[in-house]
Amino acid sequence: MATNLAIDPNLLERAIQVSGERTKRATVTRALQEFIARREQRRVADLLGKLEWDASFDYKAERLRRK
């Protein structure tokens, strides 16, 4: 999908330098991927302390069962 964006040239140049990518497109793609990954990680981290732990669950037995 073609998209025209007005991006601060100084910000884009810095992102290129920091990312090590060679093109603007690759830099923006990587930035979006990292942004999405960070947000998804935050959602998982928000669950810490909110889930109930089942002390009887045997994860080793589950691994053996799948083979």
N, C-alpha and C. Protein backbone atom coordinates (compact mmCIF):
# COMPACT_ATOMS: atom_id res chain seq x y z
N MET A 1 0.85 -1.17 0.00
CA MET A 1 0.00 0.00 0.00
C MET A 1 0.91 1.24 0.00
N ALA A 2 0.72 2.06 -0.97
CA ALA A 2 1.51 3.29 -1.05
C ALA A 2 0.92 4.32 -0.10
N THR A 3 1.81 4.97 0.65
CA THR A 3 1.38 5.97 1.62
C THR A 3 2.37 7.12 1.61
N ASN A 4 1.85 8.32 1.60
CA ASN A 4 2.70 9.50 1.70
C ASN A 4 2.63 10.03 3.13
N LEU A 5 3.80 10.19 3.74
CA LEU A 5 3.85 10.68 5.11
C LEU A 5 4.78 11.87 5.20
N ALA A 6 4.43 12.81 6.05
CA ALA A 6 5.31 13.94 6.33
C ALA A 6 6.04 13.63 7.62
N ILE A 7 7.28 13.14 7.49
CA ILE A 7 8.08 12.74 8.64
C ILE A 7 9.20 13.75 8.84
N ASP A 8 9.43 14.13 10.07
CA ASP A 8 10.52 15.05 10.40
C ASP A 8 11.83 14.48 9.84
N PRO A 9 12.49 15.18 8.93
CA PRO A 9 13.71 14.65 8.30
C PRO A 9 14.84 14.38 9.30
N ASN A 10 14.95 15.20 10.32
CA ASN A 10 15.99 14.97 11.33
C ASN A 10 15.71 13.70 12.12
N LEU A 11 14.44 13.48 12.44
CA LEU A 11 14.05 12.29 13.17
C LEU A 11 14.28 11.04 12.32
N LEU A 12 13.94 11.12 11.06
CA LEU A 12 14.14 9.98 10.16
C LEU A 12 15.62 9.68 9.98
N GLU A 13 16.44 10.70 9.82
CA GLU A 13 17.88 10.51 9.66
C GLU A 13 18.48 9.86 10.91
N ARG A 14 18.04 10.30 12.06
CA ARG A 14 18.54 9.70 13.31
C ARG A 14 18.12 8.25 13.42
N ALA A 15 16.87 7.96 13.02
CA ALA A 15 16.37 6.58 13.05
C ALA A 15 17.18 5.70 12.11
N ILE A 16 17.56 6.21 10.96
CA ILE A 16 18.38 5.46 10.01
C ILE A 16 19.73 5.14 10.64
N GLN A 17 20.33 6.12 11.28
CA GLN A 17 21.64 5.92 11.91
C GLN A 17 21.56 4.91 13.06
N VAL A 18 20.55 5.04 13.89
CA VAL A 18 20.41 4.17 15.05
C VAL A 18 20.06 2.74 14.65
N SER A 19 19.22 2.59 13.65
CA SER A 19 18.75 1.27 13.26
C SER A 19 19.77 0.50 12.44
N GLY A 20 20.61 1.22 11.72
CA GLY A 20 21.56 0.55 10.84
C GLY A 20 20.95 0.14 9.51
N GLU A 21 19.71 0.48 9.30
CA GLU A 21 19.06 0.17 8.02
C GLU A 21 19.62 1.07 6.94
N ARG A 22 19.49 0.63 5.70
CA ARG A 22 20.08 1.39 4.59
C ARG A 22 19.10 2.32 3.89
N THR A 23 17.80 2.04 4.04
CA THR A 23 16.81 2.85 3.34
C THR A 23 15.79 3.42 4.32
N LYS A 24 15.09 4.44 3.86
CA LYS A 24 14.03 5.04 4.67
C LYS A 24 12.91 4.03 4.88
N ARG A 25 12.57 3.32 3.82
CA ARG A 25 11.49 2.33 3.89
C ARG A 25 11.82 1.25 4.92
N ALA A 26 13.02 0.71 4.88
CA ALA A 26 13.42 -0.33 5.82
C ALA A 26 13.42 0.22 7.25
N THR A 27 13.83 1.46 7.41
CA THR A 27 13.87 2.08 8.73
C THR A 27 12.47 2.23 9.30
N VAL A 28 11.55 2.71 8.50
CA VAL A 28 10.17 2.90 8.96
C VAL A 28 9.53 1.54 9.23
N THR A 29 9.80 0.56 8.39
CA THR A 29 9.25 -0.78 8.60
C THR A 29 9.74 -1.36 9.91
N ARG A 30 11.04 -1.25 10.16
CA ARG A 30 11.60 -1.78 11.41
C ARG A 30 11.02 -1.03 12.61
N ALA A 31 10.89 0.28 12.50
CA ALA A 31 10.34 1.06 13.61
C ALA A 31 8.91 0.62 13.92
N LEU A 32 8.12 0.37 12.91
CA LEU A 32 6.74 -0.07 13.13
C LEU A 32 6.71 -1.46 13.75
N GLN A 33 7.58 -2.36 13.29
CA GLN A 33 7.64 -3.71 13.86
C GLN A 33 8.02 -3.65 15.34
N GLU A 34 9.01 -2.84 15.67
CA GLU A 34 9.44 -2.73 17.06
C GLU A 34 8.36 -2.07 17.93
N PHE A 35 7.66 -1.10 17.38
CA PHE A 35 6.58 -0.44 18.10
C PHE A 35 5.48 -1.45 18.44
N ILE A 36 5.10 -2.25 17.46
CA ILE A 36 4.06 -3.25 17.66
C ILE A 36 4.50 -4.28 18.69
N ALA A 37 5.74 -4.77 18.57
CA ALA A 37 6.25 -5.76 19.52
C ALA A 37 6.27 -5.22 20.94
N ARG A 38 6.68 -3.96 21.09
CA ARG A 38 6.74 -3.35 22.42
C ARG A 38 5.34 -3.24 23.03
N ARG A 39 4.37 -2.86 22.23
CA ARG A 39 3.00 -2.74 22.73
C ARG A 39 2.43 -4.10 23.12
N GLU A 40 2.73 -5.12 22.32
CA GLU A 40 2.25 -6.46 22.65
C GLU A 40 2.90 -6.96 23.93
N GLN A 41 4.17 -6.68 24.12
CA GLN A 41 4.85 -7.08 25.34
C GLN A 41 4.24 -6.37 26.55
N ARG A 42 3.88 -5.14 26.38
CA ARG A 42 3.29 -4.38 27.48
C ARG A 42 1.97 -5.01 27.91
N ARG A 43 1.17 -5.50 26.93
CA ARG A 43 -0.10 -6.13 27.27
C ARG A 43 0.12 -7.40 28.09
N VAL A 44 1.15 -8.16 27.73
CA VAL A 44 1.47 -9.37 28.48
C VAL A 44 1.94 -9.00 29.88
N ALA A 45 2.79 -7.99 29.98
CA ALA A 45 3.30 -7.56 31.28
C ALA A 45 2.17 -7.05 32.18
N ASP A 46 1.16 -6.48 31.59
CA ASP A 46 0.02 -5.99 32.38
C ASP A 46 -0.74 -7.14 33.05
N LEU A 47 -0.58 -8.35 32.54
CA LEU A 47 -1.26 -9.51 33.13
C LEU A 47 -0.56 -10.05 34.36
N LEU A 48 0.69 -9.64 34.57
CA LEU A 48 1.43 -10.14 35.73
C LEU A 48 0.68 -9.81 37.02
N GLY A 49 0.52 -10.83 37.81
CA GLY A 49 -0.18 -10.66 39.08
C GLY A 49 -1.69 -10.73 38.96
N LYS A 50 -2.21 -10.85 37.76
CA LYS A 50 -3.66 -10.89 37.57
C LYS A 50 -4.17 -12.29 37.27
N LEU A 51 -3.26 -13.21 36.94
CA LEU A 51 -3.67 -14.57 36.62
C LEU A 51 -3.49 -15.46 37.83
N GLU A 52 -4.38 -16.41 37.97
CA GLU A 52 -4.28 -17.34 39.09
C GLU A 52 -3.32 -18.46 38.73
N TRP A 53 -2.46 -18.84 39.64
CA TRP A 53 -1.48 -19.90 39.42
C TRP A 53 -2.05 -21.22 39.92
N ASP A 54 -1.94 -22.24 39.08
CA ASP A 54 -2.40 -23.58 39.45
C ASP A 54 -1.19 -24.37 39.93
N ALA A 55 -1.04 -24.52 41.23
CA ALA A 55 0.12 -25.19 41.81
C ALA A 55 0.20 -26.66 41.43
N SER A 56 -0.92 -27.26 41.03
CA SER A 56 -0.92 -28.68 40.69
C SER A 56 -0.50 -28.93 39.23
N PHE A 57 -0.36 -27.88 38.43
CA PHE A 57 0.01 -28.04 37.02
C PHE A 57 1.45 -28.53 36.91
N ASP A 58 1.65 -29.59 36.15
CA ASP A 58 2.98 -30.19 35.96
C ASP A 58 3.41 -29.95 34.52
N TYR A 59 4.19 -28.91 34.28
CA TYR A 59 4.59 -28.57 32.93
C TYR A 59 5.49 -29.63 32.31
N LYS A 60 6.25 -30.35 33.12
CA LYS A 60 7.12 -31.41 32.59
C LYS A 60 6.28 -32.57 32.04
N ALA A 61 5.22 -32.91 32.74
CA ALA A 61 4.32 -33.96 32.26
C ALA A 61 3.65 -33.54 30.96
N GLU A 62 3.32 -32.28 30.83
CA GLU A 62 2.70 -31.77 29.59
C GLU A 62 3.67 -31.88 28.42
N ARG A 63 4.94 -31.59 28.64
CA ARG A 63 5.93 -31.71 27.57
C ARG A 63 6.02 -33.16 27.08
N LEU A 64 6.01 -34.10 28.01
CA LEU A 64 6.11 -35.51 27.64
C LEU A 64 4.86 -35.97 26.90
N ARG A 65 3.73 -35.43 27.27
CA ARG A 65 2.46 -35.83 26.66
C ARG A 65 2.40 -35.43 25.19
N ARG A 66 3.02 -34.35 24.80
CA ARG A 66 2.96 -33.83 23.43
C ARG A 66 3.81 -34.61 22.44
N LYS A 67 4.75 -35.39 22.94
CA LYS A 67 5.65 -36.13 22.04
C LYS A 67 5.01 -37.33 21.43
